[in-house]
Amino acid sequence: MSGLGLAYHHIPVDFNAPQPADLQRFFDVMDAARDKKVFVHCAANYRVASFVALYREARLGWSPQQGDAHMRRVWEPNETWTRFMAEARARQSTRPPEKP
């Protein structure tokens, strides 16, 4: 992929046990690529829809309602992911906003 000018970043996330460190790694990769076009994906797009929603809330000023609308275009999160999203949002709300 590097011959095509692409960088590949594999972020394994256990669907049944997502961790704050997984989300932070996603944020780090996205922050590093802020000035580039980025293609993100996962097997069913559930994890990535959730991570992108949280990223846009944290970095682009989206409301949780906007994040939920984005995520729900792809799926209705189960109990594990509903809890993960709520906990991630609670952590984000205690931090000062980051500048792009």
N, C-alpha and C. Protein backbone atom coordinates (compact mmCIF):
# COMPACT_ATOMS: atom_id res chain seq x y z
N MET A 1 0.80 -1.19 0.00
CA MET A 1 0.00 0.00 0.00
C MET A 1 0.84 1.26 0.00
N SER A 2 2.02 1.18 0.58
CA SER A 2 2.85 2.38 0.63
C SER A 2 3.26 2.82 -0.77
N GLY A 3 3.34 1.89 -1.73
CA GLY A 3 3.65 2.24 -3.10
C GLY A 3 2.57 3.09 -3.74
N LEU A 4 1.39 3.02 -3.21
CA LEU A 4 0.26 3.81 -3.70
C LEU A 4 0.12 5.14 -2.95
N GLY A 5 1.00 5.35 -1.99
CA GLY A 5 0.91 6.56 -1.18
C GLY A 5 -0.09 6.43 -0.04
N LEU A 6 -0.44 5.20 0.27
CA LEU A 6 -1.41 4.96 1.35
C LEU A 6 -0.70 4.46 2.59
N ALA A 7 -1.18 4.86 3.73
CA ALA A 7 -0.70 4.32 5.01
C ALA A 7 -1.82 3.48 5.60
N TYR A 8 -1.48 2.32 6.08
CA TYR A 8 -2.48 1.42 6.66
C TYR A 8 -2.27 1.36 8.16
N HIS A 9 -3.33 1.53 8.91
CA HIS A 9 -3.27 1.45 10.37
C HIS A 9 -4.33 0.45 10.82
N HIS A 10 -3.90 -0.66 11.35
CA HIS A 10 -4.82 -1.68 11.85
C HIS A 10 -5.06 -1.42 13.34
N ILE A 11 -6.31 -1.23 13.70
CA ILE A 11 -6.67 -1.00 15.09
C ILE A 11 -7.66 -2.11 15.47
N PRO A 12 -7.14 -3.20 16.01
CA PRO A 12 -8.06 -4.28 16.37
C PRO A 12 -8.91 -3.89 17.57
N VAL A 13 -10.21 -4.09 17.45
CA VAL A 13 -11.15 -3.76 18.52
C VAL A 13 -12.04 -4.98 18.73
N ASP A 14 -12.02 -5.51 19.93
CA ASP A 14 -12.90 -6.63 20.27
C ASP A 14 -14.32 -6.10 20.30
N PHE A 15 -15.15 -6.58 19.40
CA PHE A 15 -16.51 -6.07 19.28
C PHE A 15 -17.28 -6.19 20.60
N ASN A 16 -17.01 -7.23 21.36
CA ASN A 16 -17.72 -7.46 22.61
C ASN A 16 -17.09 -6.78 23.81
N ALA A 17 -15.95 -6.13 23.61
CA ALA A 17 -15.27 -5.47 24.74
C ALA A 17 -14.41 -4.31 24.25
N PRO A 18 -15.01 -3.29 23.63
CA PRO A 18 -14.22 -2.14 23.18
C PRO A 18 -13.60 -1.44 24.39
N GLN A 19 -12.40 -0.92 24.19
CA GLN A 19 -11.65 -0.30 25.28
C GLN A 19 -11.37 1.17 24.97
N PRO A 20 -11.27 1.99 26.01
CA PRO A 20 -10.90 3.40 25.79
C PRO A 20 -9.59 3.54 25.02
N ALA A 21 -8.64 2.63 25.23
CA ALA A 21 -7.37 2.69 24.51
C ALA A 21 -7.56 2.48 23.01
N ASP A 22 -8.55 1.67 22.63
CA ASP A 22 -8.85 1.47 21.20
C ASP A 22 -9.31 2.78 20.58
N LEU A 23 -10.20 3.46 21.28
CA LEU A 23 -10.71 4.73 20.78
C LEU A 23 -9.59 5.77 20.73
N GLN A 24 -8.75 5.80 21.74
CA GLN A 24 -7.65 6.75 21.75
C GLN A 24 -6.69 6.51 20.59
N ARG A 25 -6.42 5.24 20.30
CA ARG A 25 -5.55 4.94 19.15
C ARG A 25 -6.18 5.43 17.85
N PHE A 26 -7.50 5.23 17.71
CA PHE A 26 -8.21 5.74 16.54
C PHE A 26 -8.08 7.26 16.46
N PHE A 27 -8.31 7.95 17.58
CA PHE A 27 -8.17 9.41 17.62
C PHE A 27 -6.76 9.82 17.21
N ASP A 28 -5.75 9.12 17.72
CA ASP A 28 -4.35 9.46 17.40
C ASP A 28 -4.08 9.34 15.90
N VAL A 29 -4.56 8.25 15.30
CA VAL A 29 -4.37 8.04 13.86
C VAL A 29 -5.11 9.12 13.07
N MET A 30 -6.34 9.39 13.45
CA MET A 30 -7.12 10.42 12.75
C MET A 30 -6.49 11.80 12.93
N ASP A 31 -6.02 12.12 14.11
CA ASP A 31 -5.37 13.42 14.34
C ASP A 31 -4.12 13.56 13.49
N ALA A 32 -3.36 12.48 13.36
CA ALA A 32 -2.13 12.52 12.57
C ALA A 32 -2.43 12.69 11.08
N ALA A 33 -3.60 12.29 10.66
CA ALA A 33 -3.99 12.38 9.24
C ALA A 33 -4.96 13.53 8.98
N ARG A 34 -5.01 14.46 9.88
CA ARG A 34 -6.01 15.54 9.80
C ARG A 34 -6.01 16.28 8.47
N ASP A 35 -4.86 16.45 7.87
CA ASP A 35 -4.76 17.21 6.62
C ASP A 35 -4.80 16.31 5.37
N LYS A 36 -5.20 15.05 5.55
CA LYS A 36 -5.20 14.10 4.44
C LYS A 36 -6.60 13.51 4.26
N LYS A 37 -6.82 12.93 3.10
CA LYS A 37 -8.04 12.15 2.89
C LYS A 37 -7.85 10.83 3.62
N VAL A 38 -8.91 10.37 4.27
CA VAL A 38 -8.83 9.16 5.09
C VAL A 38 -9.98 8.23 4.73
N PHE A 39 -9.67 6.96 4.60
CA PHE A 39 -10.69 5.93 4.40
C PHE A 39 -10.66 5.04 5.62
N VAL A 40 -11.77 4.95 6.33
CA VAL A 40 -11.85 4.08 7.50
C VAL A 40 -12.90 3.01 7.25
N HIS A 41 -12.64 1.83 7.78
CA HIS A 41 -13.60 0.74 7.59
C HIS A 41 -13.43 -0.32 8.67
N CYS A 42 -14.44 -1.12 8.83
CA CYS A 42 -14.36 -2.35 9.62
C CYS A 42 -15.31 -3.35 8.97
N ALA A 43 -15.33 -4.54 9.47
CA ALA A 43 -16.08 -5.62 8.82
C ALA A 43 -17.54 -5.26 8.58
N ALA A 44 -18.22 -4.74 9.57
CA ALA A 44 -19.65 -4.41 9.42
C ALA A 44 -19.90 -2.91 9.49
N ASN A 45 -18.86 -2.13 9.71
CA ASN A 45 -18.92 -0.68 9.87
C ASN A 45 -19.58 -0.24 11.18
N TYR A 46 -19.83 -1.15 12.08
CA TYR A 46 -20.43 -0.78 13.36
C TYR A 46 -19.42 -0.05 14.24
N ARG A 47 -18.27 -0.69 14.43
CA ARG A 47 -17.24 -0.08 15.28
C ARG A 47 -16.81 1.26 14.72
N VAL A 48 -16.55 1.31 13.43
CA VAL A 48 -16.03 2.54 12.85
C VAL A 48 -17.08 3.64 12.85
N ALA A 49 -18.34 3.31 12.65
CA ALA A 49 -19.38 4.33 12.72
C ALA A 49 -19.42 4.95 14.11
N SER A 50 -19.25 4.12 15.12
CA SER A 50 -19.23 4.61 16.50
C SER A 50 -18.00 5.47 16.76
N PHE A 51 -16.83 4.99 16.34
CA PHE A 51 -15.59 5.74 16.56
C PHE A 51 -15.59 7.06 15.79
N VAL A 52 -16.07 7.05 14.56
CA VAL A 52 -16.13 8.30 13.77
C VAL A 52 -17.08 9.29 14.44
N ALA A 53 -18.21 8.82 14.92
CA ALA A 53 -19.15 9.71 15.60
C ALA A 53 -18.48 10.36 16.81
N LEU A 54 -17.79 9.57 17.62
CA LEU A 54 -17.12 10.11 18.80
C LEU A 54 -16.00 11.07 18.41
N TYR A 55 -15.28 10.74 17.36
CA TYR A 55 -14.19 11.62 16.89
C TYR A 55 -14.75 12.97 16.45
N ARG A 56 -15.81 12.93 15.68
CA ARG A 56 -16.40 14.18 15.20
C ARG A 56 -16.99 15.00 16.33
N GLU A 57 -17.50 14.34 17.35
CA GLU A 57 -17.97 15.07 18.53
C GLU A 57 -16.80 15.74 19.25
N ALA A 58 -15.73 14.99 19.43
CA ALA A 58 -14.58 15.50 20.19
C ALA A 58 -13.77 16.53 19.42
N ARG A 59 -13.64 16.35 18.12
CA ARG A 59 -12.73 17.20 17.36
C ARG A 59 -13.42 18.21 16.44
N LEU A 60 -14.64 17.91 16.02
CA LEU A 60 -15.30 18.78 15.05
C LEU A 60 -16.54 19.47 15.60
N GLY A 61 -16.79 19.29 16.90
CA GLY A 61 -17.88 20.01 17.54
C GLY A 61 -19.26 19.45 17.30
N TRP A 62 -19.35 18.22 16.82
CA TRP A 62 -20.67 17.61 16.65
C TRP A 62 -21.33 17.43 18.01
N SER A 63 -22.63 17.50 18.05
CA SER A 63 -23.39 17.19 19.26
C SER A 63 -23.53 15.67 19.35
N PRO A 64 -23.84 15.16 20.55
CA PRO A 64 -24.13 13.72 20.64
C PRO A 64 -25.29 13.30 19.74
N GLN A 65 -26.24 14.18 19.53
CA GLN A 65 -27.37 13.86 18.64
C GLN A 65 -26.88 13.68 17.20
N GLN A 66 -25.97 14.54 16.77
CA GLN A 66 -25.40 14.39 15.43
C GLN A 66 -24.60 13.09 15.33
N GLY A 67 -23.82 12.80 16.38
CA GLY A 67 -23.05 11.56 16.39
C GLY A 67 -23.95 10.34 16.34
N ASP A 68 -25.03 10.37 17.13
CA ASP A 68 -25.96 9.24 17.12
C ASP A 68 -26.63 9.09 15.76
N ALA A 69 -27.02 10.19 15.15
CA ALA A 69 -27.66 10.12 13.83
C ALA A 69 -26.70 9.50 12.81
N HIS A 70 -25.43 9.89 12.86
CA HIS A 70 -24.43 9.32 11.96
C HIS A 70 -24.31 7.81 12.19
N MET A 71 -24.15 7.43 13.45
CA MET A 71 -23.95 6.03 13.80
C MET A 71 -25.18 5.20 13.44
N ARG A 72 -26.35 5.72 13.69
CA ARG A 72 -27.57 4.95 13.47
C ARG A 72 -27.94 4.80 11.99
N ARG A 73 -27.24 5.52 11.12
CA ARG A 73 -27.42 5.25 9.68
C ARG A 73 -26.91 3.86 9.36
N VAL A 74 -25.99 3.36 10.20
CA VAL A 74 -25.36 2.07 9.97
C VAL A 74 -25.94 0.99 10.88
N TRP A 75 -26.17 1.33 12.16
CA TRP A 75 -26.64 0.31 13.09
C TRP A 75 -27.22 0.92 14.35
N GLU A 76 -27.95 0.10 15.07
CA GLU A 76 -28.47 0.46 16.38
C GLU A 76 -27.56 -0.25 17.39
N PRO A 77 -26.77 0.52 18.15
CA PRO A 77 -25.78 -0.12 19.02
C PRO A 77 -26.43 -1.00 20.10
N ASN A 78 -25.73 -2.09 20.39
CA ASN A 78 -26.20 -2.99 21.44
C ASN A 78 -25.83 -2.41 22.81
N GLU A 79 -26.11 -3.16 23.85
CA GLU A 79 -25.87 -2.67 25.21
C GLU A 79 -24.39 -2.35 25.46
N THR A 80 -23.51 -3.20 24.98
CA THR A 80 -22.07 -2.98 25.16
C THR A 80 -21.64 -1.66 24.54
N TRP A 81 -22.08 -1.42 23.31
CA TRP A 81 -21.66 -0.22 22.60
C TRP A 81 -22.39 1.02 23.09
N THR A 82 -23.62 0.88 23.54
CA THR A 82 -24.33 2.01 24.13
C THR A 82 -23.59 2.48 25.38
N ARG A 83 -23.18 1.53 26.21
CA ARG A 83 -22.42 1.86 27.42
C ARG A 83 -21.06 2.47 27.06
N PHE A 84 -20.37 1.88 26.07
CA PHE A 84 -19.07 2.39 25.65
C PHE A 84 -19.18 3.84 25.16
N MET A 85 -20.20 4.10 24.35
CA MET A 85 -20.40 5.46 23.83
C MET A 85 -20.66 6.44 24.97
N ALA A 86 -21.51 6.05 25.92
CA ALA A 86 -21.83 6.93 27.05
C ALA A 86 -20.59 7.21 27.89
N GLU A 87 -19.79 6.19 28.14
CA GLU A 87 -18.57 6.37 28.94
C GLU A 87 -17.56 7.23 28.19
N ALA A 88 -17.43 7.03 26.89
CA ALA A 88 -16.50 7.84 26.10
C ALA A 88 -16.93 9.29 26.10
N ARG A 89 -18.22 9.53 25.94
CA ARG A 89 -18.73 10.90 25.97
C ARG A 89 -18.51 11.55 27.33
N ALA A 90 -18.67 10.79 28.39
CA ALA A 90 -18.44 11.33 29.73
C ALA A 90 -16.97 11.71 29.90
N ARG A 91 -16.07 10.89 29.40
CA ARG A 91 -14.63 11.22 29.49
C ARG A 91 -14.33 12.46 28.67
N GLN A 92 -14.93 12.56 27.48
CA GLN A 92 -14.68 13.72 26.61
C GLN A 92 -15.20 15.00 27.23
N SER A 93 -16.31 14.92 27.94
CA SER A 93 -16.91 16.14 28.49
C SER A 93 -16.09 16.70 29.65
N THR A 94 -15.20 15.91 30.20
CA THR A 94 -14.37 16.40 31.31
C THR A 94 -13.05 16.96 30.82
N ARG A 95 -12.81 16.90 29.53
CA ARG A 95 -11.56 17.43 28.95
C ARG A 95 -11.84 18.75 28.26
N PRO A 96 -10.85 19.64 28.27
CA PRO A 96 -11.03 20.86 27.48
C PRO A 96 -11.05 20.51 25.99
N PRO A 97 -11.79 21.25 25.17
CA PRO A 97 -11.83 20.94 23.73
C PRO A 97 -10.45 21.08 23.10
N GLU A 98 -10.16 20.17 22.18
CA GLU A 98 -8.89 20.21 21.47
C GLU A 98 -9.04 21.08 20.24
N LYS A 99 -7.97 21.76 19.89
CA LYS A 99 -7.99 22.60 18.70
C LYS A 99 -7.57 21.78 17.50
N PRO A 100 -8.28 21.94 16.38
CA PRO A 100 -7.92 21.18 15.16
C PRO A 100 -6.58 21.58 14.61
